[in-house]
Amino acid sequence: MALPIMAKATAVWLVDNTMLTFKQIGDFCGLHELEIQGIADGEVASGIKGFDPISHNQLEQAEIERALESPSYTLTLKYNPSAEGETKKRGPRYTPLSKRQDRPSAIAWLVKFHPEVTDAQISKLVGTTKPTILTIRDRSHWNLSNIQPVDPVALGLCKQLELDAAVRKAAEKAAKGITEMSEEDKVKLMSTEQSLKTSEDSKIPSSISGLEKFSLSQEVVKKGPALDKDNLFNLPPNDD
């Protein structure tokens, strides 16, 4: 939900100039009800000057009157381009310092019980880096002997819904079968089963495409001189 500009100063003005409840002001300004109570008691925002939301096109007087009639009514922010983008954008997952030491255990659990989950998904779930995941996958982590697999949900690193969604997505990708092959993979040796599943066009690398159709026509062979040992190696005529 979009918030008014100068939210705390707006809350100060509403506390000083209206009879709205602390909850109504808090919901409108994105502040906690107790913080609004602190503003009313003079314990919070004592040095902040009130910001009139009506004169600055943030709120209409009719909205305040409706809210005064019904304490359960929620104030609606009036559209204002200057208020756009005030909401916090979700950034990368933040892992508290107290739980960062548990990330290797969560990675080990995911690698062991859900090997189909990709490194990118694990990184997003646990809030770690791909090099760390790689060291646990290939068992080269410096503290591997002390790492015990533990469910990341039990460690509080992610939610059960997020884990279920990642596992389901990885399983759906795995069920689709063979993925698209790169040019380098096309020239590598493949098993008979893989070779039969790939299309005819993908069996020949693009760098040598067209050579499979190359052949000498019969006309070219007929028009050329007859080949024998003398004209082939340009041997001098034998006078004997």
C-alpha atoms as a PDB file:
ATOM      1  CA  MET A   1       0.000   0.000   0.000  1.00  0.00           C
ATOM      2  CA  ALA A   2       1.306   3.455  -0.922  1.00  0.00           C
ATOM      3  CA  LEU A   3       2.112   5.763   1.977  1.00  0.00           C
ATOM      4  CA  PRO A   4       1.836   9.541   2.165  1.00  0.00           C
ATOM      5  CA  ILE A   5       4.983  11.598   1.757  1.00  0.00           C
ATOM      6  CA  MET A   6       6.568  12.624   5.062  1.00  0.00           C
ATOM      7  CA  ALA A   7       4.548   9.952   6.838  1.00  0.00           C
ATOM      8  CA  LYS A   8       5.687  10.729  10.383  1.00  0.00           C
ATOM      9  CA  ALA A   9       5.140  14.481   9.947  1.00  0.00           C
ATOM     10  CA  THR A  10       1.687  13.686   8.547  1.00  0.00           C
ATOM     11  CA  ALA A  11       0.962  11.581  11.632  1.00  0.00           C
ATOM     12  CA  VAL A  12       1.989  14.510  13.839  1.00  0.00           C
ATOM     13  CA  TRP A  13      -0.453  16.795  12.032  1.00  0.00           C
ATOM     14  CA  LEU A  14      -3.311  14.277  12.262  1.00  0.00           C
ATOM     15  CA  VAL A  15      -2.717  13.780  15.980  1.00  0.00           C
ATOM     16  CA  ASP A  16      -2.714  17.550  16.589  1.00  0.00           C
ATOM     17  CA  ASN A  17      -5.614  18.493  14.322  1.00  0.00           C
ATOM     18  CA  THR A  18      -8.051  15.565  14.271  1.00  0.00           C
ATOM     19  CA  MET A  19      -9.821  13.192  16.630  1.00  0.00           C
ATOM     20  CA  LEU A  20      -8.906  10.105  14.646  1.00  0.00           C
ATOM     21  CA  THR A  21      -7.962   6.949  16.533  1.00  0.00           C
ATOM     22  CA  PHE A  22      -4.332   5.943  16.879  1.00  0.00           C
ATOM     23  CA  LYS A  23      -4.997   2.880  14.724  1.00  0.00           C
ATOM     24  CA  GLN A  24      -6.549   4.915  11.902  1.00  0.00           C
ATOM     25  CA  ILE A  25      -3.594   7.303  11.843  1.00  0.00           C
ATOM     26  CA  GLY A  26      -1.107   4.445  12.087  1.00  0.00           C
ATOM     27  CA  ASP A  27      -2.698   2.506   9.228  1.00  0.00           C
ATOM     28  CA  PHE A  28      -2.733   5.589   7.017  1.00  0.00           C
ATOM     29  CA  CYS A  29       0.871   6.579   7.752  1.00  0.00           C
ATOM     30  CA  GLY A  30       2.358   3.090   7.910  1.00  0.00           C
ATOM     31  CA  LEU A  31       3.274   3.396  11.594  1.00  0.00           C
ATOM     32  CA  HIS A  32       2.497   1.252  14.620  1.00  0.00           C
ATOM     33  CA  GLU A  33      -0.396   2.216  16.848  1.00  0.00           C
ATOM     34  CA  LEU A  34       1.929   2.521  19.860  1.00  0.00           C
ATOM     35  CA  GLU A  35       4.168   4.896  17.908  1.00  0.00           C
ATOM     36  CA  ILE A  36       1.167   7.132  17.245  1.00  0.00           C
ATOM     37  CA  GLN A  37       0.384   7.022  20.945  1.00  0.00           C
ATOM     38  CA  GLY A  38       3.971   8.072  21.628  1.00  0.00           C
ATOM     39  CA  ILE A  39       3.502  11.033  19.282  1.00  0.00           C
ATOM     40  CA  ALA A  40       0.355  12.039  21.205  1.00  0.00           C
ATOM     41  CA  ASP A  41       2.234  11.749  24.518  1.00  0.00           C
ATOM     42  CA  GLY A  42       5.131  13.830  23.215  1.00  0.00           C
ATOM     43  CA  GLU A  43       7.613  10.986  23.551  1.00  0.00           C
ATOM     44  CA  VAL A  44       8.043  10.423  19.806  1.00  0.00           C
ATOM     45  CA  ALA A  45       8.745  12.950  16.998  1.00  0.00           C
ATOM     46  CA  SER A  46       8.868  15.830  19.431  1.00  0.00           C
ATOM     47  CA  GLY A  47      10.974  17.954  17.056  1.00  0.00           C
ATOM     48  CA  ILE A  48       9.002  17.194  13.878  1.00  0.00           C
ATOM     49  CA  LYS A  49       6.699  19.851  12.453  1.00  0.00           C
ATOM     50  CA  GLY A  50       3.288  18.639  11.328  1.00  0.00           C
ATOM     51  CA  PHE A  51       2.694  18.164   7.590  1.00  0.00           C
ATOM     52  CA  ASP A  52      -0.836  18.996   6.386  1.00  0.00           C
ATOM     53  CA  PRO A  53      -1.965  16.131   4.124  1.00  0.00           C
ATOM     54  CA  ILE A  54      -5.078  17.997   2.951  1.00  0.00           C
ATOM     55  CA  SER A  55      -3.334  21.071   1.565  1.00  0.00           C
ATOM     56  CA  HIS A  56      -0.638  18.899  -0.001  1.00  0.00           C
ATOM     57  CA  ASN A  57      -3.126  16.763  -1.935  1.00  0.00           C
ATOM     58  CA  GLN A  58      -2.581  13.637   0.187  1.00  0.00           C
ATOM     59  CA  LEU A  59      -5.932  13.372   1.919  1.00  0.00           C
ATOM     60  CA  GLU A  60      -9.425  14.768   1.523  1.00  0.00           C
ATOM     61  CA  GLN A  61     -11.456  16.328   4.337  1.00  0.00           C
ATOM     62  CA  ALA A  62     -14.345  14.041   3.457  1.00  0.00           C
ATOM     63  CA  GLU A  63     -12.149  11.027   4.261  1.00  0.00           C
ATOM     64  CA  ILE A  64     -11.423  12.397   7.727  1.00  0.00           C
ATOM     65  CA  GLU A  65     -15.134  12.996   8.349  1.00  0.00           C
ATOM     66  CA  ARG A  66     -15.978   9.423   7.322  1.00  0.00           C
ATOM     67  CA  ALA A  67     -13.285   8.096   9.630  1.00  0.00           C
ATOM     68  CA  LEU A  68     -14.585  10.186  12.524  1.00  0.00           C
ATOM     69  CA  GLU A  69     -18.039   8.668  12.089  1.00  0.00           C
ATOM     70  CA  SER A  70     -16.739   5.088  12.067  1.00  0.00           C
ATOM     71  CA  PRO A  71     -13.630   4.116  14.119  1.00  0.00           C
ATOM     72  CA  SER A  72     -13.188   1.007  11.951  1.00  0.00           C
ATOM     73  CA  TYR A  73     -12.969   3.030   8.727  1.00  0.00           C
ATOM     74  CA  THR A  74      -9.564   3.063   7.004  1.00  0.00           C
ATOM     75  CA  LEU A  75      -8.367   6.294   5.445  1.00  0.00           C
ATOM     76  CA  THR A  76      -7.635   6.194   1.727  1.00  0.00           C
ATOM     77  CA  LEU A  77      -4.631   8.008   0.298  1.00  0.00           C
ATOM     78  CA  LYS A  78      -5.541  10.459  -2.452  1.00  0.00           C
ATOM     79  CA  TYR A  79      -3.648   9.849  -5.700  1.00  0.00           C
ATOM     80  CA  ASN A  80      -0.516  11.903  -5.894  1.00  0.00           C
ATOM     81  CA  PRO A  81       2.404  11.172  -8.258  1.00  0.00           C
ATOM     82  CA  SER A  82       4.872  12.312  -5.603  1.00  0.00           C
ATOM     83  CA  ALA A  83       3.743   9.469  -3.341  1.00  0.00           C
ATOM     84  CA  GLU A  84       4.549   6.738  -5.865  1.00  0.00           C
ATOM     85  CA  GLY A  85       7.509   4.546  -5.069  1.00  0.00           C
ATOM     86  CA  GLU A  86       7.392   5.243  -1.344  1.00  0.00           C
ATOM     87  CA  THR A  87       6.759   1.609  -0.491  1.00  0.00           C
ATOM     88  CA  LYS A  88       9.782  -0.484   0.335  1.00  0.00           C
ATOM     89  CA  LYS A  89      11.029  -2.679  -2.467  1.00  0.00           C
ATOM     90  CA  ARG A  90      11.856  -6.249  -1.680  1.00  0.00           C
ATOM     91  CA  GLY A  91      15.569  -6.833  -1.961  1.00  0.00           C
ATOM     92  CA  PRO A  92      17.685  -9.957  -1.566  1.00  0.00           C
ATOM     93  CA  ARG A  93      16.898 -12.197   1.364  1.00  0.00           C
ATOM     94  CA  TYR A  94      18.565 -11.019   4.565  1.00  0.00           C
ATOM     95  CA  THR A  95      19.837 -13.667   6.943  1.00  0.00           C
ATOM     96  CA  PRO A  96      20.384 -12.580  10.582  1.00  0.00           C
ATOM     97  CA  LEU A  97      23.901 -12.939  11.930  1.00  0.00           C
ATOM     98  CA  SER A  98      22.732 -15.493  14.492  1.00  0.00           C
ATOM     99  CA  LYS A  99      21.490 -17.815  11.731  1.00  0.00           C
ATOM    100  CA  ARG A 100      24.232 -17.422   9.134  1.00  0.00           C
ATOM    101  CA  GLN A 101      26.226 -20.241  10.678  1.00  0.00           C
ATOM    102  CA  ASP A 102      23.265 -22.565  10.027  1.00  0.00           C
ATOM    103  CA  ARG A 103      23.251 -22.014   6.263  1.00  0.00           C
ATOM    104  CA  PRO A 104      25.764 -24.833   5.462  1.00  0.00           C
ATOM    105  CA  SER A 105      23.534 -27.300   7.329  1.00  0.00           C
ATOM    106  CA  ALA A 106      20.508 -26.160   5.349  1.00  0.00           C
ATOM    107  CA  ILE A 107      22.426 -26.442   2.067  1.00  0.00           C
ATOM    108  CA  ALA A 108      23.581 -29.954   2.965  1.00  0.00           C
ATOM    109  CA  TRP A 109      19.964 -30.948   3.686  1.00  0.00           C
ATOM    110  CA  LEU A 110      18.726 -29.608   0.356  1.00  0.00           C
ATOM    111  CA  VAL A 111      21.563 -31.247  -1.571  1.00  0.00           C
ATOM    112  CA  LYS A 112      20.947 -34.593   0.135  1.00  0.00           C
ATOM    113  CA  PHE A 113      17.152 -34.808   0.103  1.00  0.00           C
ATOM    114  CA  HIS A 114      16.308 -32.623  -2.909  1.00  0.00           C
ATOM    115  CA  PRO A 115      19.152 -32.945  -5.439  1.00  0.00           C
ATOM    116  CA  GLU A 116      16.834 -31.738  -8.203  1.00  0.00           C
ATOM    117  CA  VAL A 117      16.750 -28.232  -6.694  1.00  0.00           C
ATOM    118  CA  THR A 118      19.156 -25.955  -8.572  1.00  0.00           C
ATOM    119  CA  ASP A 119      21.910 -23.866  -7.037  1.00  0.00           C
ATOM    120  CA  ALA A 120      20.004 -20.688  -7.901  1.00  0.00           C
ATOM    121  CA  GLN A 121      16.957 -21.925  -5.997  1.00  0.00           C
ATOM    122  CA  ILE A 122      19.053 -22.916  -2.978  1.00  0.00           C
ATOM    123  CA  SER A 123      20.749 -19.528  -3.031  1.00  0.00           C
ATOM    124  CA  LYS A 124      17.372 -17.805  -3.004  1.00  0.00           C
ATOM    125  CA  LEU A 125      15.929 -20.021  -0.275  1.00  0.00           C
ATOM    126  CA  VAL A 126      18.833 -19.914   2.152  1.00  0.00           C
ATOM    127  CA  GLY A 127      20.384 -16.561   1.239  1.00  0.00           C
ATOM    128  CA  THR A 128      23.818 -17.901   0.336  1.00  0.00           C
ATOM    129  CA  THR A 129      26.212 -17.834  -2.609  1.00  0.00           C
ATOM    130  CA  LYS A 130      26.721 -20.393  -5.368  1.00  0.00           C
ATOM    131  CA  PRO A 131      30.428 -21.010  -4.528  1.00  0.00           C
ATOM    132  CA  THR A 132      29.382 -22.067  -1.012  1.00  0.00           C
ATOM    133  CA  ILE A 133      26.796 -24.453  -2.437  1.00  0.00           C
ATOM    134  CA  LEU A 134      29.398 -25.887  -4.819  1.00  0.00           C
ATOM    135  CA  THR A 135      31.860 -26.612  -2.010  1.00  0.00           C
ATOM    136  CA  ILE A 136      29.187 -28.594  -0.177  1.00  0.00           C
ATOM    137  CA  ARG A 137      28.103 -30.452  -3.324  1.00  0.00           C
ATOM    138  CA  ASP A 138      31.661 -31.585  -4.128  1.00  0.00           C
ATOM    139  CA  ARG A 139      32.453 -32.067  -0.404  1.00  0.00           C
ATOM    140  CA  SER A 140      35.332 -29.597  -0.397  1.00  0.00           C
ATOM    141  CA  HIS A 141      33.924 -27.277   2.284  1.00  0.00           C
ATOM    142  CA  TRP A 142      36.488 -26.395   4.939  1.00  0.00           C
ATOM    143  CA  ASN A 143      34.129 -27.382   7.783  1.00  0.00           C
ATOM    144  CA  LEU A 144      32.464 -30.360   6.119  1.00  0.00           C
ATOM    145  CA  SER A 145      33.128 -32.754   9.006  1.00  0.00           C
ATOM    146  CA  ASN A 146      31.019 -30.597  11.339  1.00  0.00           C
ATOM    147  CA  ILE A 147      28.114 -29.960   8.959  1.00  0.00           C
ATOM    148  CA  GLN A 148      24.947 -31.921   9.697  1.00  0.00           C
ATOM    149  CA  PRO A 149      21.961 -31.728   7.276  1.00  0.00           C
ATOM    150  CA  VAL A 150      19.106 -29.812   8.885  1.00  0.00           C
ATOM    151  CA  ASP A 151      15.787 -28.759   7.367  1.00  0.00           C
ATOM    152  CA  PRO A 152      16.046 -25.027   6.443  1.00  0.00           C
ATOM    153  CA  VAL A 153      12.450 -24.515   7.602  1.00  0.00           C
ATOM    154  CA  ALA A 154      13.355 -25.827  11.055  1.00  0.00           C
ATOM    155  CA  LEU A 155      16.332 -23.458  11.099  1.00  0.00           C
ATOM    156  CA  GLY A 156      14.098 -20.520  10.245  1.00  0.00           C
ATOM    157  CA  LEU A 157      15.941 -19.714   7.008  1.00  0.00           C
ATOM    158  CA  CYS A 158      12.865 -20.050   4.785  1.00  0.00           C
ATOM    159  CA  LYS A 159       9.157 -20.804   4.949  1.00  0.00           C
ATOM    160  CA  GLN A 160       7.591 -24.182   4.235  1.00  0.00           C
ATOM    161  CA  LEU A 161       5.573 -22.715   1.349  1.00  0.00           C
ATOM    162  CA  GLU A 162       8.746 -21.359  -0.261  1.00  0.00           C
ATOM    163  CA  LEU A 163      10.504 -24.718   0.065  1.00  0.00           C
ATOM    164  CA  ASP A 164       7.521 -26.614  -1.358  1.00  0.00           C
ATOM    165  CA  ALA A 165       7.294 -24.209  -4.294  1.00  0.00           C
ATOM    166  CA  ALA A 166      11.009 -24.589  -5.102  1.00  0.00           C
ATOM    167  CA  VAL A 167      10.861 -28.398  -4.930  1.00  0.00           C
ATOM    168  CA  ARG A 168       7.737 -28.504  -7.104  1.00  0.00           C
ATOM    169  CA  LYS A 169       9.283 -26.205  -9.702  1.00  0.00           C
ATOM    170  CA  ALA A 170      12.489 -28.249  -9.830  1.00  0.00           C
ATOM    171  CA  ALA A 171      10.502 -31.492 -10.183  1.00  0.00           C
ATOM    172  CA  GLU A 172       8.496 -30.060 -13.073  1.00  0.00           C
ATOM    173  CA  LYS A 173      11.677 -29.088 -14.903  1.00  0.00           C
ATOM    174  CA  ALA A 174      13.200 -32.508 -14.333  1.00  0.00           C
ATOM    175  CA  ALA A 175      10.064 -34.199 -15.668  1.00  0.00           C
ATOM    176  CA  LYS A 176      10.334 -32.406 -19.000  1.00  0.00           C
ATOM    177  CA  GLY A 177      13.278 -34.601 -19.984  1.00  0.00           C
ATOM    178  CA  ILE A 178      16.277 -33.546 -22.082  1.00  0.00           C
ATOM    179  CA  THR A 179      16.902 -29.832 -22.238  1.00  0.00           C
ATOM    180  CA  GLU A 180      18.272 -27.867 -25.163  1.00  0.00           C
ATOM    181  CA  MET A 181      21.884 -28.776 -25.975  1.00  0.00           C
ATOM    182  CA  SER A 182      24.661 -26.308 -26.663  1.00  0.00           C
ATOM    183  CA  GLU A 183      26.898 -26.504 -29.745  1.00  0.00           C
ATOM    184  CA  GLU A 184      29.718 -28.003 -27.683  1.00  0.00           C
ATOM    185  CA  ASP A 185      27.426 -30.672 -26.257  1.00  0.00           C
ATOM    186  CA  LYS A 186      26.267 -31.641 -29.733  1.00  0.00           C
ATOM    187  CA  VAL A 187      29.760 -32.752 -30.802  1.00  0.00           C
ATOM    188  CA  LYS A 188      30.372 -34.743 -27.639  1.00  0.00           C
ATOM    189  CA  LEU A 189      29.709 -38.449 -27.427  1.00  0.00           C
ATOM    190  CA  MET A 190      26.126 -39.286 -26.507  1.00  0.00           C
ATOM    191  CA  SER A 191      24.472 -42.480 -25.446  1.00  0.00           C
ATOM    192  CA  THR A 192      22.278 -44.339 -27.911  1.00  0.00           C
ATOM    193  CA  GLU A 193      19.163 -43.332 -25.990  1.00  0.00           C
ATOM    194  CA  GLN A 194      20.101 -39.637 -26.096  1.00  0.00           C
ATOM    195  CA  SER A 195      21.015 -39.839 -29.756  1.00  0.00           C
ATOM    196  CA  LEU A 196      17.624 -41.296 -30.674  1.00  0.00           C
ATOM    197  CA  LYS A 197      15.782 -38.609 -28.696  1.00  0.00           C
ATOM    198  CA  THR A 198      17.543 -35.693 -30.369  1.00  0.00           C
ATOM    199  CA  SER A 199      16.217 -34.349 -33.653  1.00  0.00           C
ATOM    200  CA  GLU A 200      17.958 -34.959 -36.973  1.00  0.00           C
ATOM    201  CA  ASP A 201      18.999 -31.306 -37.290  1.00  0.00           C
ATOM    202  CA  SER A 202      20.657 -31.273 -33.888  1.00  0.00           C
ATOM    203  CA  LYS A 203      22.950 -34.235 -34.640  1.00  0.00           C
ATOM    204  CA  ILE A 204      25.211 -32.168 -36.915  1.00  0.00           C
ATOM    205  CA  PRO A 205      27.002 -29.101 -35.461  1.00  0.00           C
ATOM    206  CA  SER A 206      26.291 -25.837 -37.221  1.00  0.00           C
ATOM    207  CA  SER A 207      30.007 -25.317 -37.933  1.00  0.00           C
ATOM    208  CA  ILE A 208      30.023 -28.225 -40.433  1.00  0.00           C
ATOM    209  CA  SER A 209      26.398 -28.127 -41.510  1.00  0.00           C
ATOM    210  CA  GLY A 210      25.942 -28.797 -45.236  1.00  0.00           C
ATOM    211  CA  LEU A 211      28.821 -31.254 -45.568  1.00  0.00           C
ATOM    212  CA  GLU A 212      26.449 -34.189 -45.214  1.00  0.00           C
ATOM    213  CA  LYS A 213      24.896 -33.229 -48.583  1.00  0.00           C
ATOM    214  CA  PHE A 214      28.221 -32.727 -50.360  1.00  0.00           C
ATOM    215  CA  SER A 215      29.099 -35.256 -53.074  1.00  0.00           C
ATOM    216  CA  LEU A 216      30.721 -35.310 -56.496  1.00  0.00           C
ATOM    217  CA  SER A 217      28.201 -35.483 -59.321  1.00  0.00           C
ATOM    218  CA  GLN A 218      28.593 -38.019 -62.061  1.00  0.00           C
ATOM    219  CA  GLU A 219      28.919 -35.256 -64.690  1.00  0.00           C
ATOM    220  CA  VAL A 220      31.970 -33.735 -63.004  1.00  0.00           C
ATOM    221  CA  VAL A 221      33.626 -37.119 -62.848  1.00  0.00           C
ATOM    222  CA  LYS A 222      32.899 -37.822 -66.501  1.00  0.00           C
ATOM    223  CA  LYS A 223      34.168 -34.442 -67.783  1.00  0.00           C
ATOM    224  CA  GLY A 224      37.509 -34.727 -66.037  1.00  0.00           C
ATOM    225  CA  PRO A 225      40.483 -36.553 -67.543  1.00  0.00           C
ATOM    226  CA  ALA A 226      40.936 -40.210 -66.909  1.00  0.00           C
ATOM    227  CA  LEU A 227      43.120 -40.796 -63.909  1.00  0.00           C
ATOM    228  CA  ASP A 228      46.117 -43.112 -64.190  1.00  0.00           C
ATOM    229  CA  LYS A 229      49.518 -43.256 -62.622  1.00  0.00           C
ATOM    230  CA  ASP A 230      51.172 -41.048 -65.324  1.00  0.00           C
ATOM    231  CA  ASN A 231      48.906 -37.980 -65.226  1.00  0.00           C
ATOM    232  CA  LEU A 232      48.246 -38.333 -61.537  1.00  0.00           C
ATOM    233  CA  PHE A 233      51.901 -38.022 -60.520  1.00  0.00           C
ATOM    234  CA  ASN A 234      53.026 -36.056 -63.623  1.00  0.00           C
ATOM    235  CA  LEU A 235      55.516 -38.729 -64.556  1.00  0.00           C
ATOM    236  CA  PRO A 236      57.622 -38.075 -67.719  1.00  0.00           C
ATOM    237  CA  PRO A 237      56.822 -40.235 -70.763  1.00  0.00           C
ATOM    238  CA  ASN A 238      58.760 -43.424 -71.019  1.00  0.00           C
ATOM    239  CA  ASP A 239      60.892 -43.487 -74.200  1.00  0.00           C
ATOM    240  CA  ASP A 240      61.605 -47.171 -73.915  1.00  0.00           C
END
